N, C-alpha and C. Protein backbone atom coordinates (compact mmCIF):
# COMPACT_ATOMS: atom_id res chain seq x y z
N MET A 1 18.27 5.72 -53.86
CA MET A 1 17.52 4.74 -53.08
C MET A 1 16.42 5.44 -52.28
N ARG A 2 15.28 4.75 -52.17
CA ARG A 2 14.16 5.32 -51.44
C ARG A 2 13.98 4.54 -50.13
N PHE A 3 13.91 5.31 -49.04
CA PHE A 3 13.79 4.68 -47.73
C PHE A 3 12.47 5.03 -47.04
N ARG A 4 11.65 5.86 -47.69
CA ARG A 4 10.45 6.36 -47.02
C ARG A 4 9.46 5.25 -46.67
N ASN A 5 9.41 4.23 -47.48
CA ASN A 5 8.41 3.18 -47.26
C ASN A 5 8.93 2.04 -46.39
N ILE A 6 10.18 2.17 -45.93
CA ILE A 6 10.74 1.12 -45.10
C ILE A 6 10.28 1.32 -43.65
N GLN A 7 9.72 0.31 -43.05
CA GLN A 7 9.26 0.37 -41.66
C GLN A 7 10.22 -0.42 -40.79
N LEU A 8 10.77 0.26 -39.81
CA LEU A 8 11.70 -0.39 -38.91
C LEU A 8 10.95 -1.23 -37.89
N VAL A 9 11.31 -2.45 -37.75
CA VAL A 9 10.67 -3.34 -36.79
C VAL A 9 11.66 -3.64 -35.67
N ALA A 10 11.24 -3.35 -34.44
CA ALA A 10 12.13 -3.57 -33.32
C ALA A 10 12.41 -5.06 -33.14
N ASN A 11 13.65 -5.37 -32.90
CA ASN A 11 14.05 -6.76 -32.70
C ASN A 11 14.25 -6.98 -31.21
N TYR A 12 13.16 -7.33 -30.53
CA TYR A 12 13.23 -7.52 -29.08
C TYR A 12 13.83 -8.89 -28.76
N PRO A 13 14.65 -8.96 -27.71
CA PRO A 13 15.31 -10.22 -27.36
C PRO A 13 14.40 -11.23 -26.67
N SER A 14 13.21 -10.79 -26.29
CA SER A 14 12.32 -11.66 -25.52
C SER A 14 10.87 -11.27 -25.77
N ARG A 15 10.02 -12.28 -25.89
CA ARG A 15 8.59 -12.00 -26.05
C ARG A 15 8.01 -11.36 -24.80
N LEU A 16 8.49 -11.78 -23.63
CA LEU A 16 8.03 -11.18 -22.39
C LEU A 16 8.45 -9.71 -22.32
N PHE A 17 9.66 -9.44 -22.76
CA PHE A 17 10.15 -8.06 -22.80
C PHE A 17 9.29 -7.23 -23.74
N GLU A 18 9.00 -7.77 -24.91
CA GLU A 18 8.18 -7.06 -25.90
C GLU A 18 6.78 -6.80 -25.36
N GLN A 19 6.20 -7.77 -24.68
CA GLN A 19 4.87 -7.60 -24.12
C GLN A 19 4.85 -6.48 -23.09
N ALA A 20 5.89 -6.44 -22.23
CA ALA A 20 5.97 -5.38 -21.22
C ALA A 20 6.11 -4.02 -21.88
N VAL A 21 6.92 -3.94 -22.94
CA VAL A 21 7.09 -2.68 -23.66
C VAL A 21 5.78 -2.25 -24.29
N ASN A 22 5.08 -3.17 -24.90
CA ASN A 22 3.80 -2.86 -25.54
C ASN A 22 2.79 -2.30 -24.54
N GLU A 23 2.74 -2.89 -23.35
CA GLU A 23 1.78 -2.43 -22.35
C GLU A 23 2.14 -1.04 -21.83
N LEU A 24 3.42 -0.81 -21.56
CA LEU A 24 3.84 0.51 -21.08
C LEU A 24 3.63 1.58 -22.14
N ALA A 25 3.85 1.22 -23.40
CA ALA A 25 3.71 2.18 -24.49
C ALA A 25 2.27 2.63 -24.70
N ARG A 26 1.32 1.91 -24.11
CA ARG A 26 -0.08 2.31 -24.20
C ARG A 26 -0.38 3.54 -23.35
N LEU A 27 0.46 3.78 -22.35
CA LEU A 27 0.21 4.89 -21.43
C LEU A 27 0.46 6.22 -22.12
N PRO A 28 -0.33 7.27 -21.78
CA PRO A 28 -0.15 8.58 -22.42
C PRO A 28 1.21 9.18 -22.09
N GLY A 29 1.85 9.72 -23.11
CA GLY A 29 3.13 10.38 -22.91
C GLY A 29 4.32 9.45 -22.90
N ILE A 30 4.08 8.15 -23.04
CA ILE A 30 5.18 7.18 -23.05
C ILE A 30 5.23 6.48 -24.41
N GLY A 31 6.28 6.78 -25.17
CA GLY A 31 6.48 6.11 -26.45
C GLY A 31 7.22 4.81 -26.26
N ARG A 32 7.50 4.13 -27.35
CA ARG A 32 8.15 2.82 -27.27
C ARG A 32 9.59 2.95 -26.75
N LYS A 33 10.29 4.01 -27.14
CA LYS A 33 11.66 4.18 -26.67
C LYS A 33 11.70 4.38 -25.16
N THR A 34 10.77 5.20 -24.67
CA THR A 34 10.71 5.42 -23.22
C THR A 34 10.33 4.14 -22.50
N ALA A 35 9.40 3.39 -23.08
CA ALA A 35 8.98 2.13 -22.48
C ALA A 35 10.16 1.16 -22.39
N VAL A 36 10.97 1.10 -23.43
CA VAL A 36 12.15 0.22 -23.42
C VAL A 36 13.10 0.63 -22.29
N ARG A 37 13.33 1.93 -22.14
CA ARG A 37 14.23 2.40 -21.08
C ARG A 37 13.70 2.04 -19.70
N LEU A 38 12.40 2.16 -19.53
CA LEU A 38 11.81 1.85 -18.22
C LEU A 38 11.91 0.36 -17.91
N ILE A 39 11.65 -0.47 -18.90
CA ILE A 39 11.74 -1.91 -18.69
C ILE A 39 13.18 -2.33 -18.38
N LEU A 40 14.13 -1.77 -19.12
CA LEU A 40 15.54 -2.08 -18.87
C LEU A 40 15.95 -1.62 -17.47
N HIS A 41 15.41 -0.48 -17.05
CA HIS A 41 15.70 0.01 -15.70
C HIS A 41 15.20 -0.96 -14.64
N LEU A 42 13.99 -1.49 -14.84
CA LEU A 42 13.44 -2.45 -13.89
C LEU A 42 14.27 -3.74 -13.86
N LEU A 43 14.75 -4.16 -15.02
CA LEU A 43 15.52 -5.39 -15.09
C LEU A 43 16.88 -5.25 -14.41
N LYS A 44 17.41 -4.05 -14.37
CA LYS A 44 18.71 -3.82 -13.75
C LYS A 44 18.65 -3.85 -12.23
N HIS A 45 17.48 -3.63 -11.68
CA HIS A 45 17.35 -3.54 -10.23
C HIS A 45 16.77 -4.84 -9.66
N ASP A 46 16.74 -4.88 -8.34
CA ASP A 46 16.27 -6.09 -7.67
C ASP A 46 14.83 -6.42 -8.08
N ARG A 47 14.54 -7.69 -8.06
CA ARG A 47 13.21 -8.16 -8.42
C ARG A 47 12.15 -7.57 -7.50
N GLN A 48 12.52 -7.33 -6.25
CA GLN A 48 11.57 -6.79 -5.29
C GLN A 48 11.01 -5.42 -5.73
N ASN A 49 11.87 -4.63 -6.41
CA ASN A 49 11.41 -3.32 -6.87
C ASN A 49 10.30 -3.45 -7.90
N SER A 50 10.45 -4.39 -8.83
CA SER A 50 9.43 -4.61 -9.85
C SER A 50 8.15 -5.17 -9.23
N GLU A 51 8.31 -6.06 -8.28
CA GLU A 51 7.15 -6.64 -7.62
C GLU A 51 6.40 -5.58 -6.82
N ALA A 52 7.15 -4.68 -6.17
CA ALA A 52 6.51 -3.61 -5.40
C ALA A 52 5.71 -2.69 -6.32
N LEU A 53 6.29 -2.38 -7.49
CA LEU A 53 5.58 -1.54 -8.47
C LEU A 53 4.33 -2.24 -8.98
N GLY A 54 4.48 -3.51 -9.35
CA GLY A 54 3.32 -4.26 -9.85
C GLY A 54 2.21 -4.38 -8.83
N ASN A 55 2.58 -4.68 -7.59
CA ASN A 55 1.58 -4.83 -6.52
C ASN A 55 0.88 -3.50 -6.24
N ALA A 56 1.65 -2.39 -6.29
CA ALA A 56 1.06 -1.08 -6.04
C ALA A 56 0.02 -0.75 -7.10
N ILE A 57 0.34 -1.06 -8.36
CA ILE A 57 -0.60 -0.78 -9.45
C ILE A 57 -1.85 -1.66 -9.34
N ILE A 58 -1.66 -2.93 -9.01
CA ILE A 58 -2.80 -3.85 -8.87
C ILE A 58 -3.70 -3.41 -7.73
N ARG A 59 -3.10 -3.05 -6.58
CA ARG A 59 -3.89 -2.60 -5.44
C ARG A 59 -4.62 -1.29 -5.75
N MET A 60 -3.92 -0.38 -6.42
CA MET A 60 -4.53 0.89 -6.79
C MET A 60 -5.76 0.66 -7.65
N ARG A 61 -5.61 -0.20 -8.66
CA ARG A 61 -6.71 -0.41 -9.61
C ARG A 61 -7.88 -1.15 -8.98
N SER A 62 -7.62 -2.04 -8.04
CA SER A 62 -8.69 -2.85 -7.47
C SER A 62 -9.30 -2.24 -6.20
N GLU A 63 -8.55 -1.42 -5.48
CA GLU A 63 -9.03 -0.94 -4.19
C GLU A 63 -9.36 0.54 -4.14
N ILE A 64 -8.87 1.32 -5.10
CA ILE A 64 -9.13 2.75 -5.05
C ILE A 64 -10.61 3.03 -5.26
N ARG A 65 -11.10 4.07 -4.60
CA ARG A 65 -12.52 4.42 -4.69
C ARG A 65 -12.67 5.86 -5.13
N TYR A 66 -13.91 6.23 -5.42
CA TYR A 66 -14.23 7.61 -5.72
C TYR A 66 -15.13 8.15 -4.63
N CYS A 67 -14.80 9.32 -4.12
CA CYS A 67 -15.54 9.93 -3.02
C CYS A 67 -17.02 10.01 -3.36
N ASN A 68 -17.86 9.61 -2.42
CA ASN A 68 -19.30 9.63 -2.62
C ASN A 68 -19.87 11.04 -2.73
N ILE A 69 -19.07 12.03 -2.32
CA ILE A 69 -19.55 13.42 -2.32
C ILE A 69 -19.02 14.19 -3.53
N CYS A 70 -17.70 14.20 -3.69
CA CYS A 70 -17.10 15.07 -4.71
C CYS A 70 -16.50 14.33 -5.90
N PHE A 71 -16.40 13.00 -5.82
CA PHE A 71 -15.85 12.16 -6.90
C PHE A 71 -14.33 12.25 -7.01
N ASN A 72 -13.68 12.70 -5.95
CA ASN A 72 -12.22 12.66 -5.91
C ASN A 72 -11.79 11.22 -5.66
N ILE A 73 -10.57 10.86 -6.09
CA ILE A 73 -10.09 9.51 -5.79
C ILE A 73 -9.76 9.43 -4.31
N SER A 74 -10.00 8.26 -3.73
CA SER A 74 -9.87 8.14 -2.28
C SER A 74 -9.64 6.69 -1.90
N ASP A 75 -9.11 6.50 -0.69
CA ASP A 75 -8.98 5.15 -0.15
C ASP A 75 -10.24 4.73 0.58
N ASN A 76 -11.14 5.69 0.83
CA ASN A 76 -12.37 5.43 1.58
C ASN A 76 -13.57 5.99 0.83
N ASP A 77 -14.76 5.77 1.38
CA ASP A 77 -15.97 6.24 0.72
C ASP A 77 -16.02 7.77 0.67
N ILE A 78 -15.43 8.42 1.66
CA ILE A 78 -15.36 9.88 1.70
C ILE A 78 -13.89 10.28 1.68
N CYS A 79 -13.52 11.17 0.78
CA CYS A 79 -12.12 11.57 0.66
C CYS A 79 -11.68 12.42 1.84
N ASP A 80 -10.39 12.59 1.99
CA ASP A 80 -9.84 13.34 3.12
C ASP A 80 -10.29 14.80 3.11
N ILE A 81 -10.47 15.37 1.92
CA ILE A 81 -10.87 16.78 1.83
C ILE A 81 -12.31 16.95 2.30
N CYS A 82 -13.22 16.12 1.79
CA CYS A 82 -14.62 16.22 2.21
C CYS A 82 -14.81 15.85 3.67
N GLY A 83 -13.92 15.02 4.20
CA GLY A 83 -14.03 14.60 5.59
C GLY A 83 -13.35 15.54 6.56
N ASP A 84 -12.71 16.59 6.07
CA ASP A 84 -11.98 17.53 6.92
C ASP A 84 -12.93 18.61 7.44
N ILE A 85 -13.20 18.60 8.72
CA ILE A 85 -14.14 19.58 9.30
C ILE A 85 -13.55 20.98 9.36
N LYS A 86 -12.23 21.10 9.19
CA LYS A 86 -11.59 22.40 9.25
C LYS A 86 -11.73 23.17 7.93
N ARG A 87 -12.16 22.49 6.88
CA ARG A 87 -12.33 23.17 5.59
C ARG A 87 -13.70 23.83 5.50
N ASP A 88 -13.80 24.82 4.65
CA ASP A 88 -15.05 25.55 4.46
C ASP A 88 -15.92 24.79 3.47
N HIS A 89 -16.91 24.09 3.99
CA HIS A 89 -17.78 23.27 3.14
C HIS A 89 -18.87 24.09 2.45
N SER A 90 -18.90 25.39 2.72
CA SER A 90 -19.90 26.24 2.06
C SER A 90 -19.39 26.75 0.72
N VAL A 91 -18.11 26.51 0.43
CA VAL A 91 -17.52 26.94 -0.83
C VAL A 91 -17.09 25.70 -1.61
N VAL A 92 -17.60 25.56 -2.82
CA VAL A 92 -17.31 24.38 -3.64
C VAL A 92 -16.63 24.82 -4.94
N CYS A 93 -15.45 24.28 -5.18
CA CYS A 93 -14.70 24.56 -6.40
C CYS A 93 -15.01 23.46 -7.42
N VAL A 94 -15.57 23.84 -8.54
CA VAL A 94 -15.97 22.89 -9.58
C VAL A 94 -14.83 22.76 -10.59
N VAL A 95 -14.33 21.53 -10.76
CA VAL A 95 -13.20 21.30 -11.65
C VAL A 95 -13.51 20.17 -12.62
N GLU A 96 -12.64 20.03 -13.61
CA GLU A 96 -12.84 19.00 -14.64
C GLU A 96 -12.50 17.61 -14.13
N ASP A 97 -11.30 17.45 -13.55
CA ASP A 97 -10.89 16.12 -13.10
C ASP A 97 -9.96 16.18 -11.89
N VAL A 98 -9.48 15.03 -11.47
CA VAL A 98 -8.67 14.90 -10.26
C VAL A 98 -7.39 15.72 -10.35
N ARG A 99 -6.80 15.81 -11.53
CA ARG A 99 -5.56 16.56 -11.69
C ARG A 99 -5.73 18.02 -11.30
N ASP A 100 -6.93 18.56 -11.53
CA ASP A 100 -7.18 19.95 -11.19
C ASP A 100 -7.26 20.14 -9.67
N VAL A 101 -7.81 19.16 -8.98
CA VAL A 101 -7.83 19.21 -7.51
C VAL A 101 -6.40 19.26 -6.98
N MET A 102 -5.54 18.42 -7.53
CA MET A 102 -4.14 18.40 -7.11
C MET A 102 -3.47 19.74 -7.37
N ALA A 103 -3.76 20.34 -8.53
CA ALA A 103 -3.16 21.62 -8.88
C ALA A 103 -3.60 22.72 -7.93
N VAL A 104 -4.89 22.78 -7.62
CA VAL A 104 -5.39 23.81 -6.71
C VAL A 104 -4.86 23.59 -5.30
N GLU A 105 -4.82 22.35 -4.86
CA GLU A 105 -4.32 22.05 -3.52
C GLU A 105 -2.86 22.47 -3.37
N ASN A 106 -2.09 22.33 -4.43
CA ASN A 106 -0.67 22.70 -4.37
C ASN A 106 -0.45 24.19 -4.18
N THR A 107 -1.47 25.00 -4.47
CA THR A 107 -1.33 26.45 -4.29
C THR A 107 -1.41 26.83 -2.82
N ARG A 108 -2.06 26.00 -2.01
CA ARG A 108 -2.26 26.28 -0.58
C ARG A 108 -3.01 27.60 -0.36
N GLN A 109 -3.82 27.98 -1.34
CA GLN A 109 -4.58 29.22 -1.27
C GLN A 109 -6.08 28.98 -1.18
N TYR A 110 -6.48 27.74 -1.09
CA TYR A 110 -7.91 27.41 -1.10
C TYR A 110 -8.23 26.48 0.04
N ASN A 111 -9.30 26.81 0.78
CA ASN A 111 -9.66 26.01 1.95
C ASN A 111 -11.08 25.48 1.87
N GLY A 112 -11.68 25.54 0.68
CA GLY A 112 -13.02 25.00 0.52
C GLY A 112 -12.97 23.54 0.12
N VAL A 113 -14.05 23.06 -0.48
CA VAL A 113 -14.12 21.68 -0.95
C VAL A 113 -14.30 21.69 -2.47
N TYR A 114 -14.49 20.51 -3.06
CA TYR A 114 -14.49 20.39 -4.51
C TYR A 114 -15.70 19.61 -5.02
N HIS A 115 -15.88 19.73 -6.33
CA HIS A 115 -16.77 18.81 -7.04
C HIS A 115 -16.14 18.55 -8.41
N ILE A 116 -15.87 17.28 -8.70
CA ILE A 116 -15.21 16.89 -9.94
C ILE A 116 -16.27 16.46 -10.95
N LEU A 117 -16.31 17.15 -12.08
CA LEU A 117 -17.29 16.84 -13.11
C LEU A 117 -16.97 15.56 -13.86
N GLY A 118 -15.71 15.23 -13.94
CA GLY A 118 -15.32 14.04 -14.71
C GLY A 118 -15.21 14.31 -16.19
N GLY A 119 -15.05 15.58 -16.55
CA GLY A 119 -14.94 15.97 -17.95
C GLY A 119 -15.57 17.33 -18.17
N ILE A 120 -15.62 17.76 -19.41
CA ILE A 120 -16.30 19.00 -19.78
C ILE A 120 -17.12 18.74 -21.04
N ILE A 121 -18.13 19.55 -21.24
CA ILE A 121 -19.00 19.39 -22.39
C ILE A 121 -18.20 19.61 -23.67
N SER A 122 -18.21 18.63 -24.55
CA SER A 122 -17.45 18.71 -25.79
C SER A 122 -18.18 17.96 -26.90
N PRO A 123 -19.01 18.65 -27.68
CA PRO A 123 -19.75 17.99 -28.76
C PRO A 123 -18.83 17.28 -29.75
N MET A 124 -17.63 17.84 -29.98
CA MET A 124 -16.70 17.25 -30.93
C MET A 124 -16.25 15.86 -30.48
N GLU A 125 -16.16 15.66 -29.15
CA GLU A 125 -15.74 14.38 -28.61
C GLU A 125 -16.92 13.54 -28.13
N GLY A 126 -18.12 14.03 -28.36
CA GLY A 126 -19.32 13.29 -27.99
C GLY A 126 -19.61 13.31 -26.50
N ILE A 127 -19.07 14.29 -25.77
CA ILE A 127 -19.31 14.37 -24.32
C ILE A 127 -20.45 15.36 -24.08
N ARG A 128 -21.55 14.84 -23.53
CA ARG A 128 -22.72 15.66 -23.26
C ARG A 128 -22.79 16.00 -21.77
N ALA A 129 -23.67 16.92 -21.44
CA ALA A 129 -23.86 17.29 -20.03
C ALA A 129 -24.30 16.08 -19.22
N GLU A 130 -25.09 15.21 -19.84
CA GLU A 130 -25.59 14.02 -19.14
C GLU A 130 -24.47 13.04 -18.79
N ASP A 131 -23.33 13.18 -19.44
CA ASP A 131 -22.21 12.27 -19.18
C ASP A 131 -21.36 12.72 -17.99
N LEU A 132 -21.62 13.90 -17.48
CA LEU A 132 -20.81 14.47 -16.40
C LEU A 132 -21.50 14.33 -15.05
N ASN A 133 -20.74 14.58 -13.97
CA ASN A 133 -21.28 14.49 -12.60
C ASN A 133 -21.98 15.79 -12.22
N ILE A 134 -23.00 16.14 -13.00
CA ILE A 134 -23.73 17.38 -12.76
C ILE A 134 -24.92 17.15 -11.84
N SER A 135 -25.63 16.05 -12.02
CA SER A 135 -26.79 15.77 -11.16
C SER A 135 -26.39 15.66 -9.68
N PRO A 136 -25.29 14.97 -9.35
CA PRO A 136 -24.87 14.92 -7.94
C PRO A 136 -24.56 16.31 -7.37
N LEU A 137 -24.00 17.21 -8.21
CA LEU A 137 -23.74 18.56 -7.75
C LEU A 137 -25.03 19.30 -7.48
N GLN A 138 -26.02 19.06 -8.33
CA GLN A 138 -27.32 19.68 -8.14
C GLN A 138 -27.95 19.21 -6.83
N GLU A 139 -27.77 17.93 -6.52
CA GLU A 139 -28.29 17.40 -5.25
C GLU A 139 -27.58 18.03 -4.06
N ARG A 140 -26.29 18.28 -4.19
CA ARG A 140 -25.56 18.95 -3.10
C ARG A 140 -26.10 20.35 -2.88
N LEU A 141 -26.44 21.03 -3.95
CA LEU A 141 -26.99 22.38 -3.83
C LEU A 141 -28.38 22.36 -3.19
N ARG A 142 -29.17 21.37 -3.57
CA ARG A 142 -30.51 21.25 -3.00
C ARG A 142 -30.47 20.94 -1.52
N ALA A 143 -29.43 20.24 -1.09
CA ALA A 143 -29.30 19.90 0.33
C ALA A 143 -29.00 21.13 1.18
N GLY A 144 -28.54 22.20 0.54
CA GLY A 144 -28.29 23.45 1.26
C GLY A 144 -26.90 23.52 1.86
N GLY A 145 -26.58 24.70 2.34
CA GLY A 145 -25.30 24.89 3.01
C GLY A 145 -24.18 25.37 2.11
N ILE A 146 -24.43 25.51 0.81
CA ILE A 146 -23.41 25.96 -0.12
C ILE A 146 -23.66 27.43 -0.46
N ALA A 147 -22.68 28.28 -0.14
CA ALA A 147 -22.82 29.72 -0.35
C ALA A 147 -22.17 30.19 -1.64
N GLU A 148 -21.19 29.42 -2.14
CA GLU A 148 -20.50 29.86 -3.35
C GLU A 148 -20.02 28.67 -4.18
N LEU A 149 -20.19 28.79 -5.48
CA LEU A 149 -19.61 27.86 -6.44
C LEU A 149 -18.50 28.60 -7.18
N ILE A 150 -17.33 27.98 -7.25
CA ILE A 150 -16.23 28.55 -8.01
C ILE A 150 -15.98 27.67 -9.23
N PHE A 151 -16.09 28.25 -10.42
CA PHE A 151 -15.80 27.49 -11.63
C PHE A 151 -14.31 27.62 -11.93
N ALA A 152 -13.58 26.52 -11.76
CA ALA A 152 -12.16 26.47 -12.08
C ALA A 152 -11.98 25.47 -13.22
N LEU A 153 -12.55 25.83 -14.34
CA LEU A 153 -12.56 24.95 -15.52
C LEU A 153 -11.51 25.42 -16.52
N PRO A 154 -11.13 24.57 -17.47
CA PRO A 154 -10.11 24.95 -18.45
C PRO A 154 -10.48 26.22 -19.20
N ALA A 155 -9.48 27.04 -19.49
CA ALA A 155 -9.69 28.28 -20.23
C ALA A 155 -9.77 27.97 -21.73
N THR A 156 -10.80 27.21 -22.08
CA THR A 156 -11.02 26.80 -23.46
C THR A 156 -12.49 27.04 -23.81
N ILE A 157 -12.81 26.90 -25.08
CA ILE A 157 -14.20 27.06 -25.49
C ILE A 157 -15.08 26.02 -24.79
N GLU A 158 -14.57 24.79 -24.67
CA GLU A 158 -15.33 23.73 -23.99
C GLU A 158 -15.52 24.05 -22.52
N GLY A 159 -14.46 24.58 -21.89
CA GLY A 159 -14.56 24.94 -20.48
C GLY A 159 -15.55 26.06 -20.26
N ASP A 160 -15.52 27.07 -21.14
CA ASP A 160 -16.46 28.18 -21.02
C ASP A 160 -17.89 27.72 -21.28
N THR A 161 -18.07 26.81 -22.23
CA THR A 161 -19.40 26.28 -22.53
C THR A 161 -19.96 25.53 -21.32
N THR A 162 -19.10 24.75 -20.68
CA THR A 162 -19.53 23.99 -19.50
C THR A 162 -19.90 24.94 -18.37
N GLY A 163 -19.08 25.96 -18.14
CA GLY A 163 -19.37 26.93 -17.09
C GLY A 163 -20.68 27.65 -17.32
N PHE A 164 -20.93 28.05 -18.56
CA PHE A 164 -22.18 28.75 -18.88
C PHE A 164 -23.39 27.83 -18.68
N TYR A 165 -23.23 26.57 -19.08
CA TYR A 165 -24.31 25.60 -18.88
C TYR A 165 -24.65 25.45 -17.40
N LEU A 166 -23.62 25.32 -16.57
CA LEU A 166 -23.84 25.15 -15.13
C LEU A 166 -24.45 26.42 -14.53
N TYR A 167 -23.99 27.56 -14.98
CA TYR A 167 -24.50 28.83 -14.46
C TYR A 167 -26.00 28.96 -14.72
N LYS A 168 -26.42 28.59 -15.92
CA LYS A 168 -27.83 28.65 -16.25
C LYS A 168 -28.63 27.59 -15.51
N LYS A 169 -28.07 26.40 -15.40
CA LYS A 169 -28.79 25.28 -14.78
C LYS A 169 -29.01 25.52 -13.28
N PHE A 170 -28.05 26.18 -12.64
CA PHE A 170 -28.14 26.38 -11.20
C PHE A 170 -28.63 27.77 -10.82
N SER A 171 -29.24 28.49 -11.76
CA SER A 171 -29.69 29.86 -11.51
C SER A 171 -30.79 29.92 -10.46
N GLU A 172 -31.47 28.80 -10.23
CA GLU A 172 -32.57 28.78 -9.25
C GLU A 172 -32.07 28.85 -7.82
N PHE A 173 -30.80 28.52 -7.60
CA PHE A 173 -30.27 28.49 -6.24
C PHE A 173 -29.72 29.86 -5.84
N SER A 174 -29.94 30.18 -4.57
CA SER A 174 -29.46 31.46 -4.04
C SER A 174 -28.04 31.28 -3.50
N MET A 175 -27.07 31.67 -4.32
CA MET A 175 -25.67 31.54 -3.93
C MET A 175 -24.83 32.39 -4.88
N ASN A 176 -23.59 32.59 -4.49
CA ASN A 176 -22.66 33.30 -5.36
C ASN A 176 -22.02 32.31 -6.33
N VAL A 177 -21.87 32.71 -7.56
CA VAL A 177 -21.18 31.90 -8.56
C VAL A 177 -20.02 32.73 -9.08
N SER A 178 -18.82 32.23 -8.94
CA SER A 178 -17.64 32.97 -9.37
C SER A 178 -16.78 32.13 -10.30
N VAL A 179 -15.84 32.78 -10.95
CA VAL A 179 -14.92 32.10 -11.86
C VAL A 179 -13.52 32.59 -11.54
N ILE A 180 -12.53 31.71 -11.64
CA ILE A 180 -11.16 32.11 -11.34
C ILE A 180 -10.72 33.19 -12.32
N ALA A 181 -9.89 34.10 -11.85
CA ALA A 181 -9.42 35.20 -12.68
C ALA A 181 -8.64 34.66 -13.87
N ARG A 182 -8.62 35.41 -14.95
CA ARG A 182 -7.96 34.96 -16.17
C ARG A 182 -6.45 35.17 -16.11
N GLY A 183 -5.86 34.74 -15.00
CA GLY A 183 -4.40 34.67 -14.96
C GLY A 183 -3.96 33.46 -15.75
N ILE A 184 -4.92 32.55 -16.01
CA ILE A 184 -4.67 31.37 -16.83
C ILE A 184 -4.90 31.74 -18.28
N SER A 185 -3.91 31.54 -19.12
CA SER A 185 -4.03 31.90 -20.53
C SER A 185 -5.12 31.08 -21.20
N PHE A 186 -5.79 31.67 -22.17
CA PHE A 186 -6.83 30.95 -22.88
C PHE A 186 -6.23 29.74 -23.60
N GLY A 187 -6.89 28.62 -23.44
CA GLY A 187 -6.42 27.38 -24.04
C GLY A 187 -5.61 26.52 -23.10
N ASP A 188 -5.35 27.01 -21.88
CA ASP A 188 -4.53 26.27 -20.93
C ASP A 188 -5.38 25.44 -19.98
N ASP A 189 -4.80 24.32 -19.51
CA ASP A 189 -5.41 23.52 -18.47
C ASP A 189 -4.83 23.92 -17.13
N LEU A 190 -5.60 23.72 -16.05
CA LEU A 190 -5.15 24.13 -14.72
C LEU A 190 -3.88 23.42 -14.31
N GLU A 191 -3.73 22.16 -14.69
CA GLU A 191 -2.60 21.37 -14.22
C GLU A 191 -1.27 21.90 -14.73
N TYR A 192 -1.29 22.69 -15.81
CA TYR A 192 -0.06 23.22 -16.38
C TYR A 192 0.26 24.63 -15.89
N ALA A 193 -0.63 25.22 -15.11
CA ALA A 193 -0.38 26.56 -14.58
C ALA A 193 0.56 26.47 -13.37
N ASP A 194 1.43 27.47 -13.24
CA ASP A 194 2.30 27.46 -12.07
C ASP A 194 1.48 27.79 -10.83
N GLU A 195 1.98 27.39 -9.67
CA GLU A 195 1.21 27.48 -8.43
C GLU A 195 0.89 28.92 -8.06
N VAL A 196 1.82 29.85 -8.28
CA VAL A 196 1.58 31.25 -7.93
C VAL A 196 0.46 31.83 -8.79
N THR A 197 0.52 31.58 -10.10
CA THR A 197 -0.51 32.11 -11.00
C THR A 197 -1.87 31.53 -10.67
N LEU A 198 -1.94 30.22 -10.45
CA LEU A 198 -3.20 29.58 -10.14
C LEU A 198 -3.73 30.06 -8.80
N GLY A 199 -2.85 30.20 -7.82
CA GLY A 199 -3.27 30.68 -6.50
C GLY A 199 -3.86 32.08 -6.57
N ARG A 200 -3.23 32.96 -7.32
CA ARG A 200 -3.74 34.32 -7.47
C ARG A 200 -5.07 34.33 -8.22
N SER A 201 -5.20 33.42 -9.18
CA SER A 201 -6.44 33.34 -9.96
C SER A 201 -7.61 32.95 -9.06
N ILE A 202 -7.35 32.12 -8.07
CA ILE A 202 -8.41 31.70 -7.14
C ILE A 202 -8.75 32.84 -6.18
N ILE A 203 -7.71 33.46 -5.63
CA ILE A 203 -7.93 34.56 -4.69
C ILE A 203 -8.66 35.72 -5.36
N ASN A 204 -8.29 36.02 -6.60
CA ASN A 204 -8.86 37.16 -7.33
C ASN A 204 -10.04 36.76 -8.20
N ARG A 205 -10.73 35.68 -7.84
CA ARG A 205 -11.88 35.24 -8.62
C ARG A 205 -12.94 36.34 -8.68
N THR A 206 -13.72 36.31 -9.74
CA THR A 206 -14.72 37.35 -9.98
C THR A 206 -16.10 36.73 -10.13
N PRO A 207 -17.16 37.51 -9.92
CA PRO A 207 -18.52 36.99 -10.15
C PRO A 207 -18.65 36.45 -11.56
N TYR A 208 -19.29 35.32 -11.71
CA TYR A 208 -19.36 34.69 -13.02
C TYR A 208 -20.06 35.57 -14.05
N GLN A 209 -21.10 36.27 -13.63
CA GLN A 209 -21.85 37.09 -14.59
C GLN A 209 -20.97 38.16 -15.23
N ASN A 210 -19.90 38.56 -14.54
CA ASN A 210 -19.00 39.57 -15.11
C ASN A 210 -18.17 39.01 -16.25
N SER A 211 -18.06 37.68 -16.33
CA SER A 211 -17.23 37.04 -17.35
C SER A 211 -18.01 36.73 -18.62
N ILE A 212 -19.32 36.89 -18.57
CA ILE A 212 -20.15 36.57 -19.72
C ILE A 212 -20.08 37.69 -20.75
N ILE A 213 -19.75 37.34 -21.98
CA ILE A 213 -19.70 38.32 -23.06
C ILE A 213 -21.11 38.63 -23.52
N LYS A 214 -21.48 39.89 -23.39
CA LYS A 214 -22.85 40.28 -23.74
C LYS A 214 -22.86 40.97 -25.10
């Protein structure tokens, strides 16, 4: 008997249940089996728990903002990091996305501010420099007061390409440009690095020009 062409179809007891599973299964890292377990978990608990979760998601999606300065997610026009006068605003750590800010903050080894690009240059995925938050960073540099840019981008070909592009584009400005030490293995994202390794990589950052293969 051949079973390879047989497709198993889930027999859900409720259309509402199936709809909830379908929506959860759209999320990254959550398959249909995990979605089923999550929905069953919600059904086992008080209705208030599900309502609290739903309301939190709705409020997050409708009320969350992006910082006018660094593009971090925030409850206000200016995020808590950019609004903190105790931080060193002359040092800007350039990262790919919000997850990288969280990763660096967890190290407790960095007291500067950030700039989130919103991605990295990737011709294969159709992401160009014009699609990233590069112009706002250029405006921050023109406004003055920034002494150092730290490139904390993924240790990938795309990350290196983005860093090199930024290095060349901002060569007109008088400031230090550094890159985190290669304690991060090539091909890794910052969010997957342990806090000690990432913290040391920031502390032991090197001038960017030293990282360029000549």
